[in-house]
Amino acid sequence: MRRLGLRARVTTAFAVGALLLSASMALVSYELTRRTLLDERERTVLRAAYYDAAVVRIGLDTENPDVAEALRALDTGTSRRALLHLNGKWYGRAADSGATAAIPVRLRELVIAGEPAVQRIRVDDQPVMLVGVPLSESAEFYEIASLRELEQTFQVLALALTAVAIMVAGSGAALGWYATRHGLRPLTAVADAAERIAAGDFTTRLTPDTDPDLTRLSTSFNRMVDELARRIDRDRRFAADVSHELRSPLQTLAAAASVLSRRRENQDQRTATAARLVADEIDRFQQLVNDLLDLARSDQPVHREPVDMAELARQACRDRNLAESMVQLDEDTPETWRVDQRRVAQVLANLLDNAERYGAGPVLVRFSRDGDTGVVEVDDEGPGVPVEDRKAIFDRFVRGRAANYRGGGDGTGLGLALVAQHAAAHGGDATVSDRPEGGARFRITLPGSVT
């Protein structure tokens, strides 16, 4: 399961916190409002019920009481219903629709015992408030007040508070997103600077006064980059100086080996063989020195310029007496890319040399695009590269089947390392996979090179 990013986690925390807070306040507000309205409604219903009970009592306190007339004298409107239980019979202003049966037994017992009582019940699935008032030993008065409007008010209030809670949660999420965006901006700047440094731009620095709270981070970061740049520059100079100092004796040795090679007919077989081995090793040593110089320069930023990639690949093929027809360009891929010509030329040369040396010869050099990323693929028809070696072969001084193999062969072990270095300098990478028809396929990506 993929873990959420810091921004997503902070935004979610803000949203959840705001939702919990708003929901708690909404519940408290709803409950307080509900109790207040119910208490006020109960007081109003009680006052009306006691008044109506007094009117009925007066109407019944005559020699020939008229129950119907006493009930008709009540002003109950449409929200209240009056019931009278007199001498074991029920009386009402309208036909009994089950209201008498809905009166709780416990409440009737209290009223019969001479105690007023009030209770909220449901009649015909509608909320009502029932008030019972004793009139005499043989008479009880009951009044049923509808709470339907009050219940509708509660529903509207609940919807309104829910909407407010949702809006507050949304506002909390927006606030969290803004806060993280603003708060992570310095970290984004650090990440961008680190990416530029990884690409070889060691002039990148952070502005210490961007955020007072991050001054220490900016200062430490800049100091680290300064130290890293000094070390890399020192290593680069060391490699360049060593390689340069090695060139003079190598040139002398090469000249001496050339003289020996030209006089091979005057030498016995053992001397001629030894002279040939010396000449081969000197050539290999010279190639190693050249590769070390290239590695020393590989940490420098790329210099992008328009380059005809197809022509560059055809020239590399001509230099090696290979068929130019193996260079292919996809239909939707332009010929001109913005790349560092020196680096890409060496990438093509090293891949072609690698295919000739270890892959039984190259069969295809293909250029394509993936959005604004240029893709270079070089196929060979050799034995391929085992899966467990596909990362190791791009390390320095690695050749052949085993990653730690250093002896044998005529390569320097730096060719594919330079390919990976040049690809990384462009912001891309170098990979190898199986060719569908057999062999290996080396793939180089160069982001931002195709427009």
Protein backbone atom coordinates (compact mmCIF):
# COMPACT_ATOMS: atom_id res chain seq x y z
CA MET A 1 0.00 0.00 0.00
CA ARG A 2 1.42 3.32 -1.07
CA ARG A 3 1.97 5.78 1.77
CA LEU A 4 0.49 9.25 1.46
CA GLY A 5 2.87 12.14 0.98
CA LEU A 6 3.54 14.75 3.65
CA ARG A 7 1.30 17.32 1.97
CA ALA A 8 -1.56 14.83 1.67
CA ARG A 9 -1.16 13.73 5.30
CA VAL A 10 -1.13 17.29 6.65
CA THR A 11 -4.10 18.27 4.47
CA THR A 12 -6.01 15.20 5.63
CA ALA A 13 -5.15 15.96 9.26
CA PHE A 14 -6.42 19.53 8.88
CA ALA A 15 -9.61 18.28 7.22
CA VAL A 16 -10.24 15.58 9.83
CA GLY A 17 -9.47 17.97 12.69
CA ALA A 18 -11.78 20.63 11.29
CA LEU A 19 -14.49 18.02 10.70
CA LEU A 20 -14.23 16.68 14.25
CA LEU A 21 -14.26 20.16 15.74
CA SER A 22 -17.16 21.37 13.61
CA ALA A 23 -19.08 18.13 14.17
CA SER A 24 -18.62 18.43 17.94
CA MET A 25 -19.74 22.06 17.92
CA ALA A 26 -22.65 21.16 15.66
CA LEU A 27 -23.78 18.37 18.00
CA VAL A 28 -23.51 20.61 21.04
CA SER A 29 -25.33 23.45 19.27
CA TYR A 30 -28.04 21.07 18.04
CA GLU A 31 -28.57 19.56 21.47
CA LEU A 32 -28.68 22.95 23.24
CA THR A 33 -31.06 24.39 20.66
CA ARG A 34 -33.24 21.29 20.77
CA ARG A 35 -33.52 21.35 24.57
CA THR A 36 -34.25 25.07 24.60
CA LEU A 37 -37.00 24.81 21.99
CA LEU A 38 -38.53 21.72 23.62
CA ASP A 39 -38.53 23.38 27.05
CA GLU A 40 -40.12 26.51 25.64
CA ARG A 41 -42.68 24.44 23.75
CA GLU A 42 -43.45 22.42 26.87
CA ARG A 43 -44.04 25.55 28.93
CA THR A 44 -46.33 26.96 26.25
CA VAL A 45 -48.31 23.71 25.99
CA LEU A 46 -48.64 23.45 29.79
CA ARG A 47 -49.95 27.00 30.09
CA ALA A 48 -52.49 26.37 27.34
CA ALA A 49 -53.53 23.00 28.81
CA TYR A 50 -54.03 24.41 32.30
CA TYR A 51 -56.07 27.26 30.90
CA ASP A 52 -58.24 24.93 28.82
CA ALA A 53 -58.66 22.61 31.82
CA ALA A 54 -59.90 25.58 33.88
CA VAL A 55 -62.40 26.48 31.17
CA VAL A 56 -63.72 22.90 31.04
CA ARG A 57 -63.92 22.73 34.83
CA ILE A 58 -66.05 25.88 34.89
CA GLY A 59 -68.29 24.47 32.13
CA LEU A 60 -68.81 21.28 34.09
CA ASP A 61 -69.42 23.03 37.41
CA THR A 62 -73.17 23.52 36.77
CA GLU A 63 -76.38 21.72 37.69
CA ASN A 64 -76.84 20.37 34.15
CA PRO A 65 -73.35 20.35 32.62
CA ASP A 66 -73.13 20.27 28.80
CA VAL A 67 -69.87 18.44 28.00
CA ALA A 68 -69.96 19.19 24.27
CA GLU A 69 -70.57 22.88 24.91
CA ALA A 70 -67.73 22.98 27.43
CA LEU A 71 -65.32 21.47 24.91
CA ARG A 72 -66.52 23.73 22.08
CA ALA A 73 -65.70 26.73 24.26
CA LEU A 74 -62.01 25.86 23.99
CA ASP A 75 -59.81 27.73 21.50
CA THR A 76 -57.39 24.91 20.59
CA GLY A 77 -56.83 25.80 16.95
CA THR A 78 -55.46 23.10 14.62
CA SER A 79 -52.38 22.15 16.60
CA ARG A 80 -54.11 20.94 19.79
CA ARG A 81 -56.79 18.39 20.59
CA ALA A 82 -58.79 18.25 23.83
CA LEU A 83 -60.08 15.01 25.40
CA LEU A 84 -62.24 14.61 28.46
CA HIS A 85 -62.72 11.42 30.46
CA LEU A 86 -65.87 11.83 32.53
CA ASN A 87 -67.59 9.07 34.50
CA GLY A 88 -65.86 6.35 32.50
CA LYS A 89 -66.63 7.86 29.08
CA TRP A 90 -64.42 9.72 26.61
CA TYR A 91 -65.49 13.01 25.06
CA GLY A 92 -63.83 15.07 22.39
CA ARG A 93 -64.46 17.91 19.95
CA ALA A 94 -63.91 15.54 17.00
CA ALA A 95 -64.21 11.83 16.33
CA ASP A 96 -61.70 9.68 18.17
CA SER A 97 -58.94 8.71 15.74
CA GLY A 98 -57.02 6.52 18.16
CA ALA A 99 -55.82 9.33 20.39
CA THR A 100 -57.43 7.87 23.53
CA ALA A 101 -55.78 4.50 22.93
CA ALA A 102 -52.39 6.21 22.55
CA ILE A 103 -52.50 7.74 26.02
CA PRO A 104 -49.93 5.83 28.14
CA VAL A 105 -51.33 3.85 31.03
CA ARG A 106 -48.78 5.22 33.45
CA LEU A 107 -49.72 8.80 32.63
CA ARG A 108 -53.42 8.05 33.14
CA GLU A 109 -52.67 6.48 36.50
CA LEU A 110 -50.90 9.64 37.64
CA VAL A 111 -53.76 11.87 36.49
CA ILE A 112 -56.40 9.62 38.11
CA ALA A 113 -54.36 9.81 41.30
CA GLY A 114 -54.70 13.58 41.17
CA GLU A 115 -51.29 14.55 39.78
CA PRO A 116 -50.81 16.55 36.55
CA ALA A 117 -48.52 14.81 34.04
CA VAL A 118 -46.82 15.58 30.75
CA GLN A 119 -45.16 13.23 28.23
CA ARG A 120 -43.98 13.27 24.61
CA ILE A 121 -45.44 10.43 22.54
CA ARG A 122 -46.26 9.65 18.91
CA VAL A 123 -49.83 9.52 17.60
CA ASP A 124 -50.42 8.38 14.03
CA ASP A 125 -46.62 8.43 13.60
CA GLN A 126 -46.56 12.15 14.46
CA PRO A 127 -44.73 13.61 17.46
CA VAL A 128 -47.05 15.16 20.08
CA MET A 129 -46.90 16.42 23.63
CA LEU A 130 -49.57 15.00 25.94
CA VAL A 131 -50.68 16.90 29.07
CA GLY A 132 -53.06 15.36 31.63
CA VAL A 133 -54.81 17.52 34.24
CA PRO A 134 -57.13 16.05 36.95
CA LEU A 135 -60.48 17.93 37.22
CA SER A 136 -62.27 15.86 39.87
CA GLU A 137 -62.50 12.31 41.15
CA SER A 138 -64.55 11.34 38.08
CA ALA A 139 -63.08 13.66 35.43
CA GLU A 140 -59.66 14.00 33.75
CA PHE A 141 -58.73 16.45 31.04
CA TYR A 142 -56.11 15.62 28.39
CA GLU A 143 -54.69 17.88 25.73
CA ILE A 144 -52.56 16.70 22.81
CA ALA A 145 -50.32 19.35 21.18
CA SER A 146 -48.62 18.61 17.85
CA LEU A 147 -44.82 18.87 17.69
CA ARG A 148 -44.62 18.38 13.93
CA GLU A 149 -43.46 21.92 13.19
CA LEU A 150 -40.89 21.67 15.93
CA GLU A 151 -39.60 18.36 14.51
CA GLN A 152 -39.33 19.94 11.06
CA THR A 153 -37.37 22.78 12.63
CA PHE A 154 -34.99 20.23 14.15
CA GLN A 155 -34.50 18.58 10.75
CA VAL A 156 -33.71 21.90 9.08
CA LEU A 157 -31.34 22.74 11.92
CA ALA A 158 -29.58 19.36 11.58
CA LEU A 159 -29.17 19.82 7.83
CA ALA A 160 -27.84 23.34 8.30
CA LEU A 161 -25.33 22.26 10.96
CA THR A 162 -24.24 19.29 8.82
CA ALA A 163 -23.67 21.60 5.86
CA VAL A 164 -21.69 23.96 8.07
CA ALA A 165 -19.58 21.04 9.38
CA ILE A 166 -18.83 19.91 5.82
CA MET A 167 -17.92 23.44 4.74
CA VAL A 168 -15.69 23.85 7.78
CA ALA A 169 -13.98 20.54 6.97
CA GLY A 170 -13.47 21.69 3.39
CA SER A 171 -12.08 24.98 4.63
CA GLY A 172 -9.76 23.06 6.95
CA ALA A 173 -8.53 20.96 4.03
CA ALA A 174 -7.96 24.10 1.94
CA LEU A 175 -6.13 25.72 4.85
CA GLY A 176 -4.00 22.60 5.34
CA TRP A 177 -3.17 22.47 1.63
CA TYR A 178 -2.21 26.15 1.62
CA ALA A 179 -0.21 25.81 4.83
CA THR A 180 1.71 22.79 3.57
CA ARG A 181 2.29 24.39 0.19
CA HIS A 182 3.65 27.50 1.85
CA GLY A 183 5.51 25.55 4.53
CA LEU A 184 7.04 23.03 2.12
CA ARG A 185 8.14 25.67 -0.36
CA PRO A 186 11.63 25.90 1.21
CA LEU A 187 11.92 22.10 1.13
CA THR A 188 10.85 22.14 -2.51
CA ALA A 189 13.59 24.66 -3.18
CA VAL A 190 16.07 22.34 -1.45
CA ALA A 191 14.85 19.38 -3.55
CA ASP A 192 15.13 21.40 -6.77
CA ALA A 193 18.61 22.54 -5.83
CA ALA A 194 19.63 18.96 -5.04
CA GLU A 195 18.35 17.80 -8.44
CA ARG A 196 20.33 20.51 -10.22
CA ILE A 197 23.43 19.57 -8.25
CA ALA A 198 22.91 15.89 -9.09
CA ALA A 199 22.76 16.93 -12.76
CA GLY A 200 26.20 18.53 -12.38
CA ASP A 201 25.35 22.18 -11.73
CA PHE A 202 27.49 22.88 -8.68
CA THR A 203 26.84 26.62 -8.88
CA THR A 204 23.40 26.09 -7.35
CA ARG A 205 22.94 27.65 -3.94
CA LEU A 206 20.08 28.40 -1.53
CA THR A 207 19.29 31.96 -0.47
CA PRO A 208 19.86 32.07 3.33
CA ASP A 209 17.40 34.92 3.93
CA THR A 210 14.45 33.20 2.19
CA ASP A 211 13.03 32.00 5.51
CA PRO A 212 14.49 33.03 8.89
CA ASP A 213 13.53 29.67 10.40
CA LEU A 214 15.48 27.81 7.71
CA THR A 215 18.61 29.94 7.72
CA ARG A 216 20.62 27.18 9.40
CA LEU A 217 19.40 24.62 6.84
CA SER A 218 20.25 26.91 3.91
CA THR A 219 23.67 27.73 5.32
CA SER A 220 24.50 24.08 6.04
CA PHE A 221 23.25 23.05 2.59
CA ASN A 222 25.38 25.68 0.86
CA ARG A 223 28.40 24.71 2.93
CA MET A 224 27.86 21.06 2.02
CA VAL A 225 27.63 21.94 -1.70
CA ASP A 226 30.78 24.04 -1.47
CA GLU A 227 32.66 21.18 0.15
CA LEU A 228 31.26 18.67 -2.36
CA ALA A 229 32.20 20.90 -5.28
CA ARG A 230 35.73 21.29 -3.89
CA ARG A 231 36.14 17.56 -3.46
CA ILE A 232 34.80 16.77 -6.91
CA ASP A 233 36.96 19.45 -8.44
CA ARG A 234 39.97 18.12 -6.55
CA ASP A 235 39.24 14.56 -7.72
CA ARG A 236 38.65 15.80 -11.27
CA ARG A 237 41.94 17.69 -11.26
CA PHE A 238 43.73 14.68 -9.79
CA ALA A 239 42.34 12.35 -12.48
CA ALA A 240 43.10 14.88 -15.20
CA ASP A 241 46.61 15.53 -13.90
CA VAL A 242 47.38 11.84 -13.56
CA SER A 243 46.01 11.11 -17.02
CA HIS A 244 47.92 14.04 -18.48
CA GLU A 245 51.16 13.00 -16.81
CA LEU A 246 50.67 9.47 -18.09
CA ARG A 247 50.30 10.61 -21.67
CA SER A 248 53.96 11.62 -22.15
CA PRO A 249 55.49 8.28 -21.13
CA LEU A 250 52.70 6.49 -22.99
CA GLN A 251 53.50 8.38 -26.16
CA THR A 252 57.17 7.42 -25.75
CA LEU A 253 56.22 3.80 -25.18
CA ALA A 254 53.87 3.89 -28.15
CA ALA A 255 56.63 5.27 -30.39
CA ALA A 256 59.02 2.58 -29.18
CA ALA A 257 56.39 -0.11 -29.73
CA SER A 258 55.78 1.23 -33.22
CA VAL A 259 59.49 0.93 -34.02
CA LEU A 260 59.49 -2.65 -32.75
CA SER A 261 56.42 -3.45 -34.83
CA ARG A 262 58.01 -2.09 -38.01
CA ARG A 263 61.09 -4.29 -37.46
CA ARG A 264 59.08 -7.40 -36.73
CA GLU A 265 60.57 -9.27 -39.72
CA ASN A 266 64.03 -8.98 -38.16
CA GLN A 267 62.87 -10.48 -34.84
CA ASP A 268 62.51 -14.07 -33.77
CA GLN A 269 59.01 -15.39 -32.98
CA ARG A 270 59.16 -14.91 -29.21
CA THR A 271 60.43 -11.31 -29.53
CA ALA A 272 57.79 -10.47 -32.16
CA THR A 273 55.04 -11.91 -29.94
CA ALA A 274 56.29 -9.92 -26.95
CA ALA A 275 56.46 -6.74 -29.03
CA ARG A 276 52.89 -7.27 -30.24
CA LEU A 277 51.63 -7.81 -26.67
CA VAL A 278 53.41 -4.65 -25.51
CA ALA A 279 51.87 -2.65 -28.37
CA ASP A 280 48.36 -3.99 -27.57
CA GLU A 281 48.66 -3.18 -23.87
CA ILE A 282 49.97 0.30 -24.66
CA ASP A 283 46.92 0.90 -26.89
CA ARG A 284 44.66 -0.34 -24.14
CA PHE A 285 46.45 1.86 -21.60
CA GLN A 286 46.01 4.88 -23.86
CA GLN A 287 42.29 4.16 -24.18
CA LEU A 288 42.05 3.87 -20.39
CA VAL A 289 43.76 7.24 -19.96
CA ASN A 290 41.38 8.83 -22.46
CA ASP A 291 38.37 7.33 -20.66
CA LEU A 292 39.66 8.61 -17.32
CA LEU A 293 39.93 12.09 -18.81
CA ASP A 294 36.36 11.81 -20.07
CA LEU A 295 35.22 10.70 -16.64
CA ALA A 296 37.00 13.68 -15.10
CA ARG A 297 34.99 15.96 -17.38
CA SER A 298 31.68 14.08 -17.05
CA ASP A 299 30.58 15.94 -13.90
CA GLN A 300 30.44 19.25 -15.75
CA PRO A 301 26.99 20.63 -16.77
CA VAL A 302 25.73 19.67 -20.22
CA HIS A 303 25.94 22.19 -23.04
CA ARG A 304 22.76 21.68 -25.05
CA GLU A 305 22.66 22.68 -28.69
CA PRO A 306 20.72 21.57 -31.79
CA VAL A 307 22.26 18.32 -33.08
CA ASP A 308 21.30 16.16 -36.07
CA MET A 309 21.10 12.84 -34.27
CA ALA A 310 20.73 10.65 -37.36
CA GLU A 311 23.81 12.17 -38.99
CA LEU A 312 25.73 11.88 -35.73
CA ALA A 313 24.91 8.16 -35.57
CA ARG A 314 25.75 7.62 -39.26
CA GLN A 315 29.13 9.29 -38.72
CA ALA A 316 29.81 6.96 -35.78
CA CYS A 317 28.97 4.01 -38.05
CA ARG A 318 31.24 5.29 -40.83
CA ASP A 319 34.13 5.66 -38.37
CA ARG A 320 33.76 1.94 -37.56
CA ASN A 321 33.07 0.70 -41.09
CA LEU A 322 29.50 -0.23 -40.13
CA ALA A 323 26.47 0.01 -42.39
CA GLU A 324 24.73 3.39 -42.14
CA SER A 325 21.43 1.70 -42.97
CA MET A 326 21.15 0.40 -39.39
CA VAL A 327 20.34 3.98 -38.25
CA GLN A 328 16.54 4.39 -38.02
CA LEU A 329 14.38 7.35 -37.02
CA ASP A 330 10.73 6.94 -35.99
CA GLU A 331 8.17 8.82 -38.07
CA ASP A 332 7.08 11.19 -35.30
CA THR A 333 10.65 11.85 -34.12
CA PRO A 334 12.53 14.95 -35.36
CA GLU A 335 16.10 14.57 -36.53
CA THR A 336 17.36 17.58 -34.54
CA TRP A 337 17.57 17.26 -30.76
CA ARG A 338 18.89 19.67 -28.14
CA VAL A 339 21.72 17.72 -26.51
CA ASP A 340 25.39 17.96 -25.66
CA GLN A 341 26.96 16.81 -28.91
CA ARG A 342 30.27 15.70 -27.40
CA ARG A 343 28.55 13.56 -24.77
CA VAL A 344 26.02 11.98 -27.13
CA ALA A 345 28.71 11.25 -29.70
CA GLN A 346 30.66 9.38 -27.06
CA VAL A 347 27.50 7.53 -25.94
CA LEU A 348 26.93 6.30 -29.50
CA ALA A 349 30.61 5.41 -29.95
CA ASN A 350 30.80 3.48 -26.69
CA LEU A 351 27.55 1.58 -27.35
CA LEU A 352 28.67 0.62 -30.86
CA ASP A 353 32.10 -0.44 -29.58
CA ASN A 354 30.47 -2.44 -26.80
CA ALA A 355 28.20 -4.18 -29.31
CA GLU A 356 31.17 -5.05 -31.54
CA ARG A 357 33.32 -6.23 -28.66
CA TYR A 358 30.76 -8.23 -26.62
CA GLY A 359 27.54 -8.45 -28.65
CA ALA A 360 28.62 -9.94 -32.00
CA GLY A 361 28.11 -6.56 -33.66
CA PRO A 362 25.37 -3.90 -33.66
CA VAL A 363 22.29 -4.44 -35.84
CA LEU A 364 20.19 -1.33 -35.16
CA VAL A 365 20.54 2.24 -33.90
CA ARG A 366 17.03 3.60 -33.35
CA PHE A 367 15.86 7.09 -32.35
CA SER A 368 12.36 7.67 -30.93
CA ARG A 369 10.58 9.97 -28.51
CA ASP A 370 8.43 9.70 -25.40
CA GLY A 371 6.86 13.13 -25.03
CA ASP A 372 9.77 15.57 -24.79
CA THR A 373 12.19 12.77 -23.93
CA GLY A 374 14.48 11.48 -26.65
CA VAL A 375 15.18 7.73 -26.63
CA VAL A 376 18.27 6.10 -28.18
CA GLU A 377 18.33 2.32 -28.58
CA VAL A 378 21.27 0.21 -29.79
CA ASP A 379 20.59 -3.47 -30.54
CA ASP A 380 23.10 -6.26 -30.97
CA GLU A 381 22.78 -9.95 -31.75
CA GLY A 382 25.06 -11.29 -29.06
CA PRO A 383 24.27 -13.52 -26.06
CA GLY A 384 22.51 -10.71 -24.18
CA VAL A 385 23.06 -9.55 -20.61
CA PRO A 386 21.91 -11.68 -17.64
CA VAL A 387 19.26 -10.01 -15.49
CA GLU A 388 21.48 -10.01 -12.41
CA ASP A 389 24.21 -8.09 -14.28
CA ARG A 390 22.06 -5.41 -15.94
CA LYS A 391 22.76 -2.76 -13.32
CA ALA A 392 26.32 -3.70 -12.50
CA ILE A 393 27.61 -3.36 -16.08
CA PHE A 394 27.10 0.42 -15.87
CA ASP A 395 29.49 0.64 -12.92
CA ARG A 396 33.12 1.61 -13.41
CA PHE A 397 35.68 -1.09 -14.20
CA VAL A 398 33.03 -3.78 -14.62
CA ARG A 399 33.20 -6.09 -17.63
CA GLY A 400 31.96 -9.47 -18.65
CA ARG A 401 29.63 -11.88 -16.84
CA ALA A 402 30.58 -11.15 -13.23
CA ALA A 403 30.25 -7.70 -11.73
CA ASN A 404 33.62 -7.95 -9.96
CA TYR A 405 35.54 -9.27 -12.94
CA ARG A 406 38.52 -7.02 -13.77
CA GLY A 407 40.90 -9.06 -15.78
CA GLY A 408 40.88 -10.30 -19.34
CA GLY A 409 39.31 -8.81 -22.44
CA ASP A 410 40.43 -5.74 -24.34
CA GLY A 411 38.05 -3.18 -22.81
CA THR A 412 38.75 -0.68 -20.07
CA GLY A 413 35.55 -1.28 -18.08
CA LEU A 414 34.68 2.43 -18.35
CA GLY A 415 32.73 2.57 -21.61
CA LEU A 416 29.26 1.82 -20.23
CA ALA A 417 30.02 3.82 -17.08
CA LEU A 418 30.59 6.84 -19.32
CA VAL A 419 27.32 6.10 -21.14
CA ALA A 420 25.44 6.13 -17.81
CA GLN A 421 27.28 9.31 -16.70
CA HIS A 422 26.39 11.19 -19.89
CA ALA A 423 22.76 10.05 -19.73
CA ALA A 424 22.51 11.16 -16.09
CA ALA A 425 24.04 14.54 -16.98
CA HIS A 426 21.08 15.04 -19.37
CA GLY A 427 18.65 14.03 -16.59
CA GLY A 428 18.06 10.58 -18.08
CA ASP A 429 19.31 7.06 -17.51
CA ALA A 430 20.83 4.04 -19.23
CA THR A 431 19.27 0.56 -19.14
CA VAL A 432 19.65 -2.74 -20.92
CA SER A 433 17.05 -5.39 -21.77
CA ASP A 434 16.57 -8.34 -24.08
CA ARG A 435 16.12 -7.77 -27.79
CA PRO A 436 12.96 -9.57 -29.00
CA GLU A 437 14.91 -11.28 -31.82
CA GLY A 438 17.75 -12.21 -29.46
CA GLY A 439 20.66 -10.23 -28.13
CA ALA A 440 20.77 -7.10 -26.01
CA ARG A 441 19.05 -3.73 -26.35
CA PHE A 442 20.70 -0.73 -24.69
CA ARG A 443 18.28 2.13 -24.08
CA ILE A 444 19.30 5.75 -23.29
CA THR A 445 16.79 8.44 -22.33
CA LEU A 446 17.51 12.15 -22.76
CA PRO A 447 14.70 14.22 -21.16
CA GLY A 448 13.98 17.66 -22.58
CA SER A 449 15.87 17.01 -25.79
CA VAL A 450 12.86 16.72 -28.17
CA THR A 451 10.47 19.60 -28.83
